[in-house]
Amino acid sequence: MRVSGEFHCPAVDEVELGTVLAALADPLRRSVIVQLARGENGVERACASFALPVAKSTRTHHWRVLREAGLIRQRDAGNGTFVRLRREEIARRFPGLLEVIVSLDSAAPSL
């Protein structure tokens, strides 16, 4: 079911592991996914609530990559855009992937 204002993202059975891993290769995109995975299931966050120290056009690019990889759903609310993790769908398609990403992030030394 598509919510009004929601951007297109691939059906979960069309999501490819290589595309997901390529999206997660970028540390900023990976941090977004980790933050969403650590949050409550199904909760949306404003895209502007993420501390991404890059230009607006680059942030837009990161959201598009995550959306087209099938990791997030994004919707336009007129006064901002909101994002949520496709947690259950990704867990069905790639069991354990999100848990591994979060655990690796937790194990990484801080810079």
N, C-alpha and C. Protein backbone atom coordinates (compact mmCIF):
# COMPACT_ATOMS: atom_id res chain seq x y z
N MET A 1 0.84 -1.19 0.00
CA MET A 1 0.00 0.00 0.00
C MET A 1 0.88 1.25 0.00
N ARG A 2 0.62 2.14 -0.89
CA ARG A 2 1.40 3.36 -0.99
C ARG A 2 0.67 4.50 -0.30
N VAL A 3 1.38 5.16 0.58
CA VAL A 3 0.83 6.30 1.31
C VAL A 3 0.94 7.53 0.43
N SER A 4 -0.04 8.42 0.51
CA SER A 4 -0.01 9.66 -0.27
C SER A 4 1.27 10.44 0.03
N GLY A 5 1.93 10.90 -1.01
CA GLY A 5 3.16 11.66 -0.86
C GLY A 5 4.40 10.81 -0.72
N GLU A 6 4.23 9.49 -0.72
CA GLU A 6 5.38 8.60 -0.56
C GLU A 6 6.13 8.46 -1.87
N PHE A 7 7.44 8.53 -1.79
CA PHE A 7 8.29 8.35 -2.95
C PHE A 7 8.31 6.87 -3.33
N HIS A 8 8.55 6.60 -4.60
CA HIS A 8 8.63 5.22 -5.06
C HIS A 8 9.87 4.53 -4.48
N CYS A 9 9.70 3.28 -4.06
CA CYS A 9 10.83 2.43 -3.69
C CYS A 9 10.52 1.04 -4.22
N PRO A 10 11.54 0.22 -4.43
CA PRO A 10 11.30 -1.09 -5.03
C PRO A 10 10.52 -2.02 -4.10
N ALA A 11 9.79 -2.94 -4.71
CA ALA A 11 9.15 -4.00 -3.93
C ALA A 11 10.25 -4.81 -3.26
N VAL A 12 9.96 -5.35 -2.09
CA VAL A 12 11.00 -6.03 -1.33
C VAL A 12 11.59 -7.22 -2.09
N ASP A 13 10.81 -7.90 -2.92
CA ASP A 13 11.36 -9.02 -3.67
C ASP A 13 12.26 -8.57 -4.83
N GLU A 14 12.29 -7.28 -5.12
CA GLU A 14 13.18 -6.73 -6.14
C GLU A 14 14.46 -6.17 -5.54
N VAL A 15 14.54 -6.10 -4.23
CA VAL A 15 15.72 -5.54 -3.56
C VAL A 15 16.86 -6.54 -3.68
N GLU A 16 18.00 -6.05 -4.15
CA GLU A 16 19.18 -6.90 -4.36
C GLU A 16 20.23 -6.63 -3.30
N LEU A 17 20.85 -7.69 -2.82
CA LEU A 17 21.84 -7.58 -1.76
C LEU A 17 23.00 -6.67 -2.16
N GLY A 18 23.48 -6.77 -3.38
CA GLY A 18 24.58 -5.93 -3.84
C GLY A 18 24.25 -4.45 -3.76
N THR A 19 23.03 -4.10 -4.13
CA THR A 19 22.59 -2.71 -4.08
C THR A 19 22.49 -2.23 -2.63
N VAL A 20 21.97 -3.09 -1.76
CA VAL A 20 21.87 -2.75 -0.33
C VAL A 20 23.26 -2.53 0.25
N LEU A 21 24.19 -3.45 -0.04
CA LEU A 21 25.54 -3.32 0.50
C LEU A 21 26.25 -2.09 -0.05
N ALA A 22 26.02 -1.77 -1.31
CA ALA A 22 26.62 -0.56 -1.89
C ALA A 22 26.08 0.68 -1.19
N ALA A 23 24.78 0.70 -0.88
CA ALA A 23 24.19 1.84 -0.17
C ALA A 23 24.78 1.95 1.23
N LEU A 24 25.00 0.82 1.88
CA LEU A 24 25.52 0.81 3.25
C LEU A 24 27.03 1.05 3.31
N ALA A 25 27.70 1.05 2.18
CA ALA A 25 29.14 1.27 2.16
C ALA A 25 29.51 2.69 2.59
N ASP A 26 28.61 3.63 2.37
CA ASP A 26 28.87 5.01 2.75
C ASP A 26 28.60 5.18 4.25
N PRO A 27 29.56 5.73 5.01
CA PRO A 27 29.37 5.86 6.46
C PRO A 27 28.19 6.74 6.88
N LEU A 28 27.87 7.77 6.13
CA LEU A 28 26.72 8.61 6.49
C LEU A 28 25.41 7.86 6.29
N ARG A 29 25.30 7.16 5.18
CA ARG A 29 24.08 6.38 4.94
C ARG A 29 23.95 5.25 5.96
N ARG A 30 25.07 4.61 6.25
CA ARG A 30 25.06 3.54 7.24
C ARG A 30 24.63 4.07 8.60
N SER A 31 25.09 5.26 8.98
CA SER A 31 24.71 5.83 10.27
C SER A 31 23.21 6.11 10.33
N VAL A 32 22.62 6.54 9.22
CA VAL A 32 21.18 6.76 9.16
C VAL A 32 20.45 5.45 9.42
N ILE A 33 20.88 4.38 8.76
CA ILE A 33 20.22 3.08 8.93
C ILE A 33 20.38 2.58 10.36
N VAL A 34 21.56 2.75 10.93
CA VAL A 34 21.78 2.33 12.32
C VAL A 34 20.88 3.11 13.26
N GLN A 35 20.78 4.41 13.07
CA GLN A 35 19.90 5.22 13.93
C GLN A 35 18.45 4.78 13.80
N LEU A 36 18.01 4.53 12.59
CA LEU A 36 16.63 4.07 12.38
C LEU A 36 16.42 2.68 12.98
N ALA A 37 17.40 1.80 12.83
CA ALA A 37 17.29 0.43 13.35
C ALA A 37 17.26 0.42 14.88
N ARG A 38 17.94 1.37 15.49
CA ARG A 38 17.94 1.45 16.96
C ARG A 38 16.66 2.08 17.50
N GLY A 39 15.90 2.73 16.64
CA GLY A 39 14.66 3.38 17.05
C GLY A 39 13.51 2.40 17.10
N GLU A 40 12.38 2.92 17.48
CA GLU A 40 11.17 2.12 17.58
C GLU A 40 10.70 1.72 16.19
N ASN A 41 10.22 0.50 16.06
CA ASN A 41 9.78 -0.04 14.79
C ASN A 41 8.62 0.78 14.22
N GLY A 42 8.74 1.16 12.95
CA GLY A 42 7.67 1.85 12.25
C GLY A 42 7.59 3.34 12.47
N VAL A 43 8.44 3.88 13.33
CA VAL A 43 8.39 5.31 13.63
C VAL A 43 9.11 6.09 12.53
N GLU A 44 8.46 7.15 12.07
CA GLU A 44 9.07 8.03 11.08
C GLU A 44 9.90 9.09 11.78
N ARG A 45 10.93 9.53 11.06
CA ARG A 45 11.73 10.66 11.51
C ARG A 45 11.82 11.67 10.38
N ALA A 46 11.87 12.92 10.76
CA ALA A 46 12.09 13.96 9.76
C ALA A 46 13.49 13.78 9.19
N CYS A 47 13.63 13.90 7.90
CA CYS A 47 14.95 13.79 7.27
C CYS A 47 15.89 14.84 7.85
N ALA A 48 15.36 16.00 8.19
CA ALA A 48 16.18 17.08 8.74
C ALA A 48 16.69 16.78 10.14
N SER A 49 16.16 15.75 10.80
CA SER A 49 16.58 15.43 12.16
C SER A 49 17.90 14.67 12.22
N PHE A 50 18.41 14.26 11.07
CA PHE A 50 19.68 13.54 11.02
C PHE A 50 20.82 14.53 10.82
N ALA A 51 21.87 14.37 11.60
CA ALA A 51 23.04 15.24 11.49
C ALA A 51 23.91 14.73 10.34
N LEU A 52 23.66 15.26 9.16
CA LEU A 52 24.46 14.90 7.98
C LEU A 52 25.24 16.15 7.57
N PRO A 53 26.54 16.16 7.85
CA PRO A 53 27.34 17.37 7.61
C PRO A 53 27.74 17.53 6.14
N VAL A 54 26.72 17.61 5.29
CA VAL A 54 26.95 17.76 3.85
C VAL A 54 25.92 18.74 3.30
N ALA A 55 26.13 19.16 2.07
CA ALA A 55 25.20 20.09 1.41
C ALA A 55 23.83 19.44 1.22
N LYS A 56 22.81 20.27 1.09
CA LYS A 56 21.44 19.77 0.93
C LYS A 56 21.33 18.84 -0.28
N SER A 57 21.99 19.17 -1.37
CA SER A 57 21.93 18.32 -2.56
C SER A 57 22.55 16.95 -2.30
N THR A 58 23.58 16.91 -1.48
CA THR A 58 24.22 15.63 -1.14
C THR A 58 23.31 14.82 -0.21
N ARG A 59 22.64 15.49 0.72
CA ARG A 59 21.68 14.79 1.59
C ARG A 59 20.57 14.17 0.74
N THR A 60 20.08 14.94 -0.22
CA THR A 60 19.05 14.43 -1.12
C THR A 60 19.54 13.20 -1.86
N HIS A 61 20.78 13.23 -2.30
CA HIS A 61 21.38 12.07 -2.97
C HIS A 61 21.41 10.87 -2.04
N HIS A 62 21.82 11.05 -0.78
CA HIS A 62 21.88 9.95 0.18
C HIS A 62 20.50 9.34 0.41
N TRP A 63 19.48 10.19 0.55
CA TRP A 63 18.12 9.66 0.73
C TRP A 63 17.69 8.85 -0.48
N ARG A 64 18.01 9.35 -1.68
CA ARG A 64 17.62 8.63 -2.90
C ARG A 64 18.30 7.27 -2.97
N VAL A 65 19.59 7.22 -2.65
CA VAL A 65 20.33 5.95 -2.69
C VAL A 65 19.71 4.94 -1.71
N LEU A 66 19.42 5.38 -0.49
CA LEU A 66 18.82 4.48 0.50
C LEU A 66 17.43 4.01 0.07
N ARG A 67 16.66 4.92 -0.50
CA ARG A 67 15.31 4.59 -0.96
C ARG A 67 15.36 3.63 -2.14
N GLU A 68 16.19 3.91 -3.12
CA GLU A 68 16.28 3.06 -4.30
C GLU A 68 16.90 1.70 -4.00
N ALA A 69 17.70 1.63 -2.94
CA ALA A 69 18.25 0.35 -2.50
C ALA A 69 17.18 -0.48 -1.79
N GLY A 70 16.08 0.17 -1.41
CA GLY A 70 14.98 -0.54 -0.75
C GLY A 70 15.06 -0.56 0.75
N LEU A 71 15.97 0.22 1.33
CA LEU A 71 16.14 0.21 2.78
C LEU A 71 15.16 1.08 3.54
N ILE A 72 14.69 2.15 2.91
CA ILE A 72 13.81 3.09 3.60
C ILE A 72 12.58 3.39 2.75
N ARG A 73 11.58 3.92 3.42
CA ARG A 73 10.44 4.55 2.76
C ARG A 73 10.54 6.03 3.11
N GLN A 74 10.24 6.87 2.16
CA GLN A 74 10.34 8.31 2.35
C GLN A 74 9.07 8.95 1.82
N ARG A 75 8.58 9.94 2.54
CA ARG A 75 7.37 10.63 2.08
C ARG A 75 7.53 12.13 2.24
N ASP A 76 6.87 12.83 1.34
CA ASP A 76 6.85 14.29 1.36
C ASP A 76 5.58 14.72 2.08
N ALA A 77 5.76 15.55 3.11
CA ALA A 77 4.61 16.03 3.88
C ALA A 77 4.33 17.50 3.60
N GLY A 78 4.90 18.04 2.55
CA GLY A 78 4.69 19.44 2.20
C GLY A 78 5.65 20.36 2.93
N ASN A 79 5.71 20.24 4.24
CA ASN A 79 6.61 21.09 5.02
C ASN A 79 7.90 20.36 5.39
N GLY A 80 8.11 19.20 4.82
CA GLY A 80 9.33 18.44 5.09
C GLY A 80 9.17 17.02 4.57
N THR A 81 10.25 16.29 4.61
CA THR A 81 10.19 14.89 4.22
C THR A 81 10.49 14.03 5.44
N PHE A 82 9.89 12.87 5.43
CA PHE A 82 10.00 11.95 6.55
C PHE A 82 10.45 10.59 6.04
N VAL A 83 11.14 9.86 6.91
CA VAL A 83 11.73 8.60 6.52
C VAL A 83 11.46 7.56 7.60
N ARG A 84 11.33 6.31 7.15
CA ARG A 84 11.24 5.20 8.10
C ARG A 84 11.94 3.99 7.49
N LEU A 85 12.47 3.17 8.34
CA LEU A 85 13.18 1.96 7.93
C LEU A 85 12.18 0.89 7.53
N ARG A 86 12.49 0.17 6.48
CA ARG A 86 11.65 -0.96 6.06
C ARG A 86 12.10 -2.20 6.83
N ARG A 87 12.09 -2.11 8.13
CA ARG A 87 12.66 -3.11 9.03
C ARG A 87 12.11 -4.52 8.78
N GLU A 88 10.82 -4.69 8.84
CA GLU A 88 10.24 -6.04 8.71
C GLU A 88 10.46 -6.61 7.31
N GLU A 89 10.34 -5.76 6.30
CA GLU A 89 10.54 -6.23 4.93
C GLU A 89 11.99 -6.64 4.69
N ILE A 90 12.93 -5.85 5.19
CA ILE A 90 14.35 -6.17 5.03
C ILE A 90 14.69 -7.43 5.83
N ALA A 91 14.11 -7.55 7.02
CA ALA A 91 14.37 -8.74 7.84
C ALA A 91 13.88 -10.01 7.15
N ARG A 92 12.76 -9.93 6.43
CA ARG A 92 12.27 -11.09 5.68
C ARG A 92 13.17 -11.40 4.49
N ARG A 93 13.61 -10.35 3.81
CA ARG A 93 14.42 -10.54 2.60
C ARG A 93 15.85 -10.95 2.94
N PHE A 94 16.44 -10.33 3.96
CA PHE A 94 17.83 -10.58 4.35
C PHE A 94 17.89 -10.77 5.87
N PRO A 95 17.49 -11.96 6.35
CA PRO A 95 17.44 -12.19 7.80
C PRO A 95 18.78 -11.89 8.48
N GLY A 96 18.71 -11.09 9.55
CA GLY A 96 19.90 -10.78 10.35
C GLY A 96 20.75 -9.62 9.85
N LEU A 97 20.48 -9.12 8.66
CA LEU A 97 21.33 -8.06 8.10
C LEU A 97 21.34 -6.81 8.96
N LEU A 98 20.19 -6.33 9.35
CA LEU A 98 20.14 -5.10 10.15
C LEU A 98 20.83 -5.29 11.50
N GLU A 99 20.65 -6.44 12.10
CA GLU A 99 21.30 -6.70 13.38
C GLU A 99 22.82 -6.68 13.25
N VAL A 100 23.33 -7.26 12.16
CA VAL A 100 24.77 -7.26 11.91
C VAL A 100 25.28 -5.84 11.72
N ILE A 101 24.57 -5.04 10.94
CA ILE A 101 24.99 -3.66 10.68
C ILE A 101 25.03 -2.88 11.99
N VAL A 102 24.02 -3.02 12.83
CA VAL A 102 23.99 -2.31 14.12
C VAL A 102 25.11 -2.81 15.02
N SER A 103 25.33 -4.12 15.08
CA SER A 103 26.38 -4.65 15.97
C SER A 103 27.77 -4.23 15.50
N LEU A 104 27.98 -4.18 14.19
CA LEU A 104 29.29 -3.75 13.68
C LEU A 104 29.52 -2.26 13.99
N ASP A 105 28.45 -1.48 13.90
CA ASP A 105 28.56 -0.07 14.22
C ASP A 105 28.90 0.12 15.70
N SER A 106 28.30 -0.70 16.56
CA SER A 106 28.56 -0.61 18.00
C SER A 106 29.98 -1.04 18.34
N ALA A 107 30.54 -1.96 17.53
CA ALA A 107 31.88 -2.47 17.81
C ALA A 107 32.97 -1.58 17.23
N ALA A 108 32.61 -0.68 16.33
CA ALA A 108 33.60 0.18 15.68
C ALA A 108 34.19 1.18 16.68
N PRO A 109 35.49 1.40 16.60
CA PRO A 109 36.09 2.41 17.50
C PRO A 109 35.60 3.80 17.11
N SER A 110 35.38 4.63 18.10
CA SER A 110 34.94 6.00 17.81
C SER A 110 36.11 6.82 17.33
N LEU A 111 35.82 7.74 16.42
CA LEU A 111 36.87 8.58 15.84
C LEU A 111 37.03 9.87 16.60
